[in-house]
N, C-alpha and C. Protein backbone atom coordinates (compact mmCIF):
# COMPACT_ATOMS: atom_id res chain seq x y z
N MET A 1 0.98 -16.98 -4.19
CA MET A 1 1.12 -15.33 -3.45
C MET A 1 0.81 -14.63 -4.94
N ALA A 2 -0.14 -13.60 -4.52
CA ALA A 2 -0.61 -12.56 -5.61
C ALA A 2 0.78 -11.14 -5.81
N THR A 3 0.48 -10.30 -6.99
CA THR A 3 1.47 -9.98 -6.86
C THR A 3 0.81 -8.51 -6.86
N VAL A 4 1.61 -7.56 -7.00
CA VAL A 4 1.20 -5.80 -6.75
C VAL A 4 0.34 -5.70 -7.21
N HIS A 5 0.58 -6.04 -8.92
CA HIS A 5 -0.35 -5.66 -9.80
C HIS A 5 -1.49 -6.60 -9.72
N ASP A 6 -1.51 -7.93 -9.03
CA ASP A 6 -2.69 -8.55 -9.13
C ASP A 6 -3.93 -7.53 -7.94
N VAL A 7 -3.09 -7.13 -7.28
CA VAL A 7 -3.74 -6.96 -5.90
C VAL A 7 -4.66 -5.35 -6.41
N ALA A 8 -3.57 -4.55 -6.83
CA ALA A 8 -4.06 -3.26 -7.73
C ALA A 8 -5.37 -3.30 -8.76
N ALA A 9 -5.40 -4.79 -9.45
CA ALA A 9 -6.71 -4.86 -10.31
C ALA A 9 -7.46 -5.26 -9.10
N TYR A 10 -7.35 -5.89 -8.13
CA TYR A 10 -8.48 -6.20 -7.47
C TYR A 10 -9.15 -5.07 -6.70
N VAL A 11 -8.18 -4.18 -6.53
CA VAL A 11 -8.70 -2.90 -5.66
C VAL A 11 -9.62 -2.13 -6.90
N LEU A 12 -9.06 -1.79 -7.62
CA LEU A 12 -9.85 -0.93 -8.99
C LEU A 12 -10.77 -1.60 -9.65
N ALA A 13 -10.97 -2.90 -9.49
CA ALA A 13 -12.24 -3.87 -9.78
C ALA A 13 -13.37 -3.35 -8.60
N LYS A 14 -13.03 -3.04 -7.27
CA LYS A 14 -13.81 -3.20 -6.26
C LYS A 14 -14.08 -1.64 -6.01
N SER A 15 -13.48 -0.89 -6.66
CA SER A 15 -13.16 1.04 -5.94
C SER A 15 -13.14 1.87 -6.85
N ALA A 16 -12.64 1.63 -8.15
CA ALA A 16 -12.29 2.67 -9.04
C ALA A 16 -13.64 3.24 -9.67
N PRO A 17 -13.27 4.62 -9.91
CA PRO A 17 -11.97 5.36 -10.05
C PRO A 17 -11.31 5.65 -9.10
N MET A 18 -9.97 6.00 -9.46
CA MET A 18 -9.56 6.58 -7.74
C MET A 18 -8.08 7.13 -8.28
N SER A 19 -7.33 7.72 -7.97
CA SER A 19 -6.16 8.50 -8.01
C SER A 19 -5.11 7.49 -7.84
N ALA A 20 -4.12 7.66 -8.74
CA ALA A 20 -3.29 6.65 -8.87
C ALA A 20 -2.21 6.65 -6.95
N MET A 21 -2.19 7.69 -6.79
CA MET A 21 -1.51 7.82 -5.34
C MET A 21 -2.66 7.23 -4.18
N LYS A 22 -4.17 7.40 -4.34
CA LYS A 22 -4.84 6.54 -3.31
C LYS A 22 -4.45 4.75 -4.15
N LEU A 23 -4.53 4.60 -4.80
CA LEU A 23 -4.69 3.17 -5.09
C LEU A 23 -3.19 2.66 -4.23
N GLN A 24 -1.88 3.59 -4.59
CA GLN A 24 -0.84 3.04 -4.09
C GLN A 24 -0.90 3.08 -2.46
N LYS A 25 -1.36 3.76 -1.84
CA LYS A 25 -1.71 3.69 -0.13
C LYS A 25 -2.71 2.83 -0.11
N LEU A 26 -3.82 2.15 -0.56
CA LEU A 26 -4.33 1.68 -0.16
C LEU A 26 -3.98 0.29 -0.44
N CYS A 27 -2.90 -0.23 -1.52
CA CYS A 27 -1.82 -0.93 -1.49
C CYS A 27 -1.50 -1.02 -0.77
N TYR A 28 -0.52 -0.16 0.09
CA TYR A 28 0.33 0.02 1.22
C TYR A 28 -0.21 -0.58 2.57
N PHE A 29 -1.85 -0.04 2.93
CA PHE A 29 -2.21 -0.37 3.80
C PHE A 29 -2.85 -1.91 4.13
N ALA A 30 -3.24 -2.55 2.71
CA ALA A 30 -3.55 -3.86 2.76
C ALA A 30 -2.55 -4.39 2.78
N TYR A 31 -1.40 -4.06 2.40
CA TYR A 31 -0.18 -4.85 2.49
C TYR A 31 0.43 -5.31 3.87
N GLY A 32 0.30 -4.00 4.68
CA GLY A 32 0.54 -3.75 6.21
C GLY A 32 -0.19 -4.69 7.23
N TYR A 33 -1.43 -4.29 7.15
CA TYR A 33 -2.53 -5.25 7.67
C TYR A 33 -2.45 -6.77 6.94
N HIS A 34 -2.01 -7.18 6.11
CA HIS A 34 -2.23 -8.41 5.58
C HIS A 34 -1.18 -9.28 6.27
N LEU A 35 0.09 -8.16 6.70
CA LEU A 35 1.45 -8.95 7.27
C LEU A 35 1.14 -9.31 8.27
N ALA A 36 0.11 -8.55 8.95
CA ALA A 36 0.06 -8.40 10.56
C ALA A 36 -1.20 -9.47 10.76
N TRP A 37 -1.89 -9.63 9.86
CA TRP A 37 -3.23 -10.61 10.36
C TRP A 37 -3.06 -12.26 9.78
N GLU A 38 -2.13 -11.99 8.70
CA GLU A 38 -1.40 -13.21 8.49
C GLU A 38 -0.14 -13.90 8.49
N ASP A 39 0.57 -12.73 9.22
CA ASP A 39 2.05 -13.02 9.58
C ASP A 39 2.83 -13.69 7.80
N ARG A 40 2.47 -13.02 6.54
CA ARG A 40 2.90 -13.16 5.43
C ARG A 40 2.48 -12.22 4.57
N PRO A 41 3.50 -11.80 3.32
CA PRO A 41 3.46 -10.67 2.80
C PRO A 41 2.49 -10.99 1.89
N LEU A 42 1.82 -10.17 1.57
CA LEU A 42 -0.03 -10.18 0.61
C LEU A 42 0.75 -10.33 -0.86
N PHE A 43 2.15 -9.92 -0.85
CA PHE A 43 2.94 -9.86 -2.27
C PHE A 43 4.21 -9.54 -2.19
N PRO A 44 4.86 -10.17 -3.15
CA PRO A 44 6.42 -10.42 -2.84
C PRO A 44 6.88 -8.91 -2.87
N GLU A 45 6.79 -7.93 -3.99
CA GLU A 45 6.55 -6.66 -3.83
C GLU A 45 7.05 -5.32 -2.76
N HIS A 46 7.99 -5.13 -2.76
CA HIS A 46 8.50 -3.88 -1.54
C HIS A 46 8.05 -2.75 -1.91
N PHE A 47 7.45 -1.64 -0.87
CA PHE A 47 7.67 -0.16 -0.90
C PHE A 47 8.59 0.74 -0.89
N GLU A 48 8.96 1.85 -1.27
CA GLU A 48 9.67 2.61 -0.93
C GLU A 48 9.73 3.69 -0.42
N ALA A 49 10.34 4.31 0.54
CA ALA A 49 9.79 5.56 0.83
C ALA A 49 9.91 6.94 0.25
N TRP A 50 9.05 7.32 -0.87
CA TRP A 50 8.92 8.25 -1.60
C TRP A 50 8.61 9.18 -0.74
N ALA A 51 8.42 10.79 -1.30
CA ALA A 51 8.14 11.70 -0.32
C ALA A 51 6.71 11.99 -0.12
N ASN A 52 5.90 11.24 -1.01
CA ASN A 52 4.25 11.30 -0.70
C ASN A 52 4.35 10.31 0.23
N GLY A 53 4.64 9.40 0.70
CA GLY A 53 4.52 8.17 1.56
C GLY A 53 4.72 7.00 0.93
N PRO A 54 4.68 5.85 0.70
CA PRO A 54 5.13 4.61 0.33
C PRO A 54 4.65 4.38 -0.82
N VAL A 55 5.37 3.62 -1.77
CA VAL A 55 5.42 3.57 -3.06
C VAL A 55 5.85 2.22 -3.44
N ALA A 56 5.40 1.28 -4.04
CA ALA A 56 5.68 0.08 -4.69
C ALA A 56 6.13 0.61 -6.23
N PRO A 57 7.49 0.26 -6.47
CA PRO A 57 7.90 0.97 -7.63
C PRO A 57 6.88 0.32 -8.97
N GLU A 58 7.24 -0.96 -8.87
CA GLU A 58 6.58 -1.91 -9.69
C GLU A 58 5.31 -1.50 -10.17
N LEU A 59 4.37 -0.79 -9.39
CA LEU A 59 2.93 -0.76 -9.73
C LEU A 59 3.30 0.86 -10.29
N TYR A 60 4.00 1.56 -9.71
CA TYR A 60 4.32 3.04 -10.06
C TYR A 60 4.77 3.33 -11.87
N GLY A 61 5.31 2.02 -12.35
CA GLY A 61 5.60 1.79 -13.50
C GLY A 61 4.49 1.71 -14.06
N LYS A 62 3.88 0.88 -13.91
CA LYS A 62 2.49 0.29 -14.66
C LYS A 62 1.43 2.12 -14.77
N HIS A 63 1.52 3.02 -14.24
CA HIS A 63 0.55 3.96 -13.70
C HIS A 63 0.85 5.29 -13.91
N ARG A 64 2.42 5.30 -14.19
CA ARG A 64 3.25 6.83 -14.17
C ARG A 64 2.51 7.75 -15.53
N GLY A 65 2.63 9.04 -14.98
CA GLY A 65 1.89 9.70 -15.85
C GLY A 65 0.35 9.96 -15.43
N ARG A 66 0.01 9.30 -14.86
CA ARG A 66 -1.52 9.37 -15.46
C ARG A 66 -2.36 9.64 -13.88
N PHE A 67 -3.06 10.35 -13.77
CA PHE A 67 -3.70 10.85 -12.39
C PHE A 67 -4.81 9.89 -12.01
N GLU A 68 -5.71 9.69 -12.81
CA GLU A 68 -6.98 8.59 -12.21
C GLU A 68 -6.76 7.60 -13.24
N LEU A 69 -7.31 6.52 -12.16
CA LEU A 69 -7.51 5.07 -12.61
C LEU A 69 -8.78 4.59 -12.61
N LYS A 70 -8.98 3.69 -13.64
CA LYS A 70 -10.31 2.67 -13.54
C LYS A 70 -10.05 1.47 -13.86
N HIS A 71 -11.15 0.84 -13.61
CA HIS A 71 -10.75 -0.93 -13.88
C HIS A 71 -10.55 -0.80 -14.81
N GLY A 72 -9.71 -1.76 -14.91
CA GLY A 72 -9.07 -2.41 -16.01
C GLY A 72 -7.92 -1.76 -16.51
N ASP A 73 -7.41 -0.75 -15.99
CA ASP A 73 -5.87 0.00 -15.99
C ASP A 73 -4.77 -0.50 -15.69
N ILE A 74 -4.94 -1.18 -14.64
CA ILE A 74 -3.73 -2.07 -14.26
C ILE A 74 -3.57 -3.55 -14.70
N ALA A 75 -2.99 -4.20 -14.98
CA ALA A 75 -2.81 -5.24 -15.86
C ALA A 75 -2.56 -6.22 -14.57
N GLY A 76 -3.51 -7.21 -14.02
CA GLY A 76 -3.26 -7.67 -13.01
C GLY A 76 -4.29 -8.62 -12.93
N ASP A 77 -4.38 -10.05 -12.16
CA ASP A 77 -5.32 -11.16 -11.82
C ASP A 77 -5.84 -11.01 -10.81
N PRO A 78 -6.83 -10.36 -10.72
CA PRO A 78 -8.05 -10.28 -9.31
C PRO A 78 -8.08 -11.54 -8.85
N ALA A 79 -8.11 -12.60 -9.71
CA ALA A 79 -8.61 -14.06 -9.07
C ALA A 79 -7.21 -14.69 -8.74
N ALA A 80 -5.97 -14.07 -9.05
CA ALA A 80 -4.74 -14.22 -8.13
C ALA A 80 -4.85 -14.27 -6.81
N LEU A 81 -5.78 -13.60 -6.02
CA LEU A 81 -5.64 -13.25 -4.81
C LEU A 81 -6.24 -14.78 -4.10
N ASP A 82 -5.49 -15.46 -3.05
CA ASP A 82 -6.52 -16.33 -2.36
C ASP A 82 -7.64 -15.90 -1.18
N ASP A 83 -8.28 -16.52 -0.80
CA ASP A 83 -8.83 -16.29 0.27
C ASP A 83 -8.70 -14.97 1.35
N ASN A 84 -7.81 -15.74 1.89
CA ASN A 84 -7.23 -14.60 3.09
C ASN A 84 -6.67 -12.98 2.30
N GLU A 85 -6.18 -13.39 1.09
CA GLU A 85 -5.66 -11.88 0.35
C GLU A 85 -7.19 -11.30 0.20
N ARG A 86 -7.85 -11.78 -0.12
CA ARG A 86 -8.89 -11.07 -0.45
C ARG A 86 -10.06 -10.79 0.52
N GLU A 87 -9.73 -11.11 1.53
CA GLU A 87 -10.10 -11.02 2.88
C GLU A 87 -9.47 -9.28 3.36
N SER A 88 -8.34 -9.43 3.48
CA SER A 88 -7.38 -8.48 4.08
C SER A 88 -7.31 -7.13 3.30
N VAL A 89 -7.47 -7.33 1.65
CA VAL A 89 -7.77 -6.14 0.78
C VAL A 89 -9.16 -6.07 1.11
N ASP A 90 -10.27 -6.74 0.92
CA ASP A 90 -11.94 -6.19 1.69
C ASP A 90 -12.09 -5.32 2.51
N ILE A 91 -11.46 -5.66 3.67
CA ILE A 91 -11.08 -5.17 5.01
C ILE A 91 -10.81 -3.52 5.08
N VAL A 92 -9.47 -3.52 4.65
CA VAL A 92 -9.12 -2.14 4.26
C VAL A 92 -9.89 -1.16 3.24
N LEU A 93 -10.35 -1.99 2.56
CA LEU A 93 -11.05 -1.45 1.46
C LEU A 93 -12.74 -0.86 2.23
N GLU A 94 -13.13 -1.61 2.72
CA GLU A 94 -13.91 -1.30 3.76
C GLU A 94 -14.19 0.05 4.71
N ASN A 95 -12.75 0.37 5.45
CA ASN A 95 -12.53 1.22 6.34
C ASN A 95 -11.50 2.20 5.67
N MET A 96 -10.84 2.22 4.93
CA MET A 96 -10.10 3.07 4.48
C MET A 96 -10.72 3.84 3.02
N SER A 97 -11.83 3.54 2.47
CA SER A 97 -12.00 3.87 0.93
C SER A 97 -12.50 5.29 0.64
N ALA A 98 -13.03 5.75 2.06
CA ALA A 98 -13.52 6.74 2.18
C ALA A 98 -12.48 7.97 2.20
N TYR A 99 -11.30 7.80 2.76
CA TYR A 99 -10.37 8.41 3.00
C TYR A 99 -10.14 9.21 1.67
N THR A 100 -9.15 10.33 1.22
CA THR A 100 -8.83 11.19 0.42
C THR A 100 -7.35 10.50 0.12
N ALA A 101 -6.82 10.56 -1.12
CA ALA A 101 -5.24 9.91 -1.21
C ALA A 101 -4.38 10.81 -0.31
N HIS A 102 -4.85 12.36 -0.17
CA HIS A 102 -3.98 13.01 0.60
C HIS A 102 -4.21 12.79 2.45
N GLU A 103 -5.09 12.11 2.54
CA GLU A 103 -5.51 11.73 3.88
C GLU A 103 -4.85 10.46 4.26
N LEU A 104 -4.76 9.54 3.34
CA LEU A 104 -3.82 8.18 3.32
C LEU A 104 -2.71 8.57 3.37
N SER A 105 -2.03 9.51 2.75
CA SER A 105 -0.74 9.60 2.49
C SER A 105 -0.10 10.74 4.00
N GLU A 106 -1.20 11.22 4.66
CA GLU A 106 -0.88 11.69 5.78
C GLU A 106 -0.54 10.94 6.75
N MET A 107 -1.66 9.54 6.73
CA MET A 107 -1.52 8.75 7.64
C MET A 107 0.01 8.02 7.96
N THR A 108 0.51 7.93 6.84
CA THR A 108 1.96 7.30 6.32
C THR A 108 2.77 8.36 7.27
N HIS A 109 2.72 9.34 7.33
CA HIS A 109 3.80 10.25 7.39
C HIS A 109 3.78 10.57 9.25
N ARG A 110 2.85 9.77 9.53
CA ARG A 110 2.50 10.47 11.15
C ARG A 110 3.94 9.46 12.34
N ALA A 111 3.96 8.11 11.70
CA ALA A 111 4.99 7.18 12.65
C ALA A 111 5.11 6.13 11.80
N GLY A 112 6.15 5.26 11.83
CA GLY A 112 6.46 4.03 11.61
C GLY A 112 7.28 3.86 10.34
N PRO A 113 6.82 2.95 9.45
CA PRO A 113 8.01 2.54 8.48
C PRO A 113 8.18 3.07 7.68
N TRP A 114 7.58 4.00 6.93
CA TRP A 114 7.92 5.26 6.13
C TRP A 114 8.68 6.25 7.02
N VAL A 115 8.56 6.76 7.78
CA VAL A 115 9.20 7.52 8.59
C VAL A 115 10.67 6.91 9.27
N HIS A 116 10.68 5.65 9.63
CA HIS A 116 12.09 5.18 9.57
C HIS A 116 12.48 4.93 8.25
N ALA A 117 12.52 4.67 7.17
CA ALA A 117 12.69 4.49 6.12
C ALA A 117 13.68 5.72 5.64
N ARG A 118 12.60 7.02 6.03
CA ARG A 118 13.02 8.35 5.49
C ARG A 118 14.29 8.98 6.43
N ALA A 119 14.36 8.47 7.89
CA ALA A 119 15.39 8.40 8.30
C ALA A 119 16.70 8.17 8.49
N ARG A 120 16.42 6.69 7.70
CA ARG A 120 17.53 5.99 7.58
C ARG A 120 18.32 6.56 6.22
N ALA A 121 17.69 7.37 5.23
CA ALA A 121 18.31 7.54 4.16
C ALA A 121 18.82 8.96 4.13
N HIS A 122 18.26 9.55 5.39
CA HIS A 122 18.37 11.01 5.54
C HIS A 122 17.95 11.59 4.69
N ALA A 123 16.48 11.39 4.10
CA ALA A 123 15.86 12.26 2.85
C ALA A 123 15.14 12.97 3.63
N PRO A 124 15.58 14.90 2.79
CA PRO A 124 14.55 16.02 3.11
C PRO A 124 13.31 15.85 2.75
N ASP A 125 12.40 16.71 3.66
CA ASP A 125 10.83 16.33 2.79
C ASP A 125 11.19 16.90 1.49
N LEU A 126 10.48 16.32 0.98
CA LEU A 126 9.89 16.48 -0.73
C LEU A 126 10.77 16.00 -2.07
N GLU A 127 11.67 15.17 -1.23
CA GLU A 127 12.68 14.21 -2.20
C GLU A 127 12.46 13.07 -1.93
N ARG A 128 12.22 12.57 -3.10
CA ARG A 128 12.12 11.47 -3.30
C ARG A 128 13.49 10.29 -2.73
N SER A 129 12.98 9.39 -1.99
CA SER A 129 13.96 8.11 -1.75
C SER A 129 13.42 6.84 -2.12
N HIS A 130 14.53 6.02 -2.27
CA HIS A 130 14.57 4.86 -2.88
C HIS A 130 14.79 3.98 -1.92
N GLU A 131 14.61 4.32 -0.58
CA GLU A 131 14.91 3.44 0.64
C GLU A 131 13.78 2.61 0.90
N PRO A 132 13.83 1.31 1.09
CA PRO A 132 13.00 0.46 1.17
C PRO A 132 12.23 0.29 2.90
N LEU A 133 10.85 0.17 2.40
CA LEU A 133 10.54 -0.07 3.83
C LEU A 133 10.66 -1.77 4.22
N LEU A 134 11.17 -1.77 5.57
CA LEU A 134 11.76 -3.24 6.04
C LEU A 134 10.27 -3.82 6.36
N ASP A 135 9.97 -4.82 6.35
CA ASP A 135 9.37 -5.96 6.41
C ASP A 135 8.89 -6.09 7.95
N GLU A 136 9.83 -6.37 8.56
CA GLU A 136 9.66 -6.45 10.13
C GLU A 136 9.33 -5.17 10.66
N GLU A 137 9.87 -3.75 9.97
CA GLU A 137 8.97 -2.30 10.73
C GLU A 137 7.73 -2.68 10.44
N VAL A 138 7.46 -3.03 8.93
CA VAL A 138 5.97 -3.07 8.39
C VAL A 138 5.04 -3.65 9.56
N ALA A 139 5.65 -5.16 9.76
CA ALA A 139 4.57 -5.77 10.60
C ALA A 139 4.71 -5.19 11.95
N ASP A 140 5.41 -5.06 12.40
CA ASP A 140 5.62 -4.42 14.09
C ASP A 140 4.58 -3.52 13.89
N PHE A 141 4.70 -2.36 13.36
CA PHE A 141 3.97 -1.30 13.04
C PHE A 141 2.47 -1.63 13.25
N PHE A 142 2.39 -2.33 12.00
CA PHE A 142 0.45 -2.95 11.51
C PHE A 142 0.13 -3.67 12.84
N CYS A 143 0.76 -4.85 13.50
CA CYS A 143 0.87 -5.68 14.62
C CYS A 143 0.21 -4.66 15.84
N ALA A 144 1.36 -3.33 16.03
CA ALA A 144 0.70 -2.53 16.62
C ALA A 144 -0.71 -1.85 16.96
N LEU A 145 -0.85 -1.73 15.81
CA LEU A 145 -2.15 -0.51 15.07
C LEU A 145 -3.40 -1.82 15.45
N VAL A 146 -3.00 -3.57 15.04
CA VAL A 146 -4.56 -3.93 15.36
C VAL A 146 -4.65 -4.55 16.69
N GLU A 147 -3.60 -4.26 17.70
CA GLU A 147 -3.46 -4.59 19.30
C GLU A 147 -4.29 -3.05 19.90
N ARG A 148 -4.30 -2.03 19.12
CA ARG A 148 -4.63 -0.85 19.50
C ARG A 148 -6.08 -1.40 19.26
N GLU A 149 -6.44 -1.41 18.39
CA GLU A 149 -7.67 -1.44 17.34
C GLU A 149 -8.64 -2.51 18.19
N ASN A 150 -8.39 -3.88 18.64
CA ASN A 150 -9.10 -4.56 19.41
C ASN A 150 -9.53 -4.27 20.60
């Protein structure tokens, strides 16, 4: 299984440069869709319900303080992704790379796992929360999206 750093390195190898926020959101959408399509996590790290949407803290630690990221800026091994993991990430990139970081963030705010985690934490707007997004909720949400898209 790949790590969030491997997935981020793969995303940057294919679509850099991009903002750190956009990288976080693309990793989140890839994680969610992969969970729905493959019934297994894309990587073992989890997301938390931060103010601007889901954030993987382990990935954040690698880009903290940086706005734009380029190929090679996140140490990870893109070759660590198996064929199904690469396919999931590629589909997400094909369909979501055109969105801005803020548009992707807004998508996470409408409904679903991030909203549920913020509610569990009683987190006010613009306040960081370390409440985890639950894989069961992520899977249910993205499975419902996949059903609607089909």
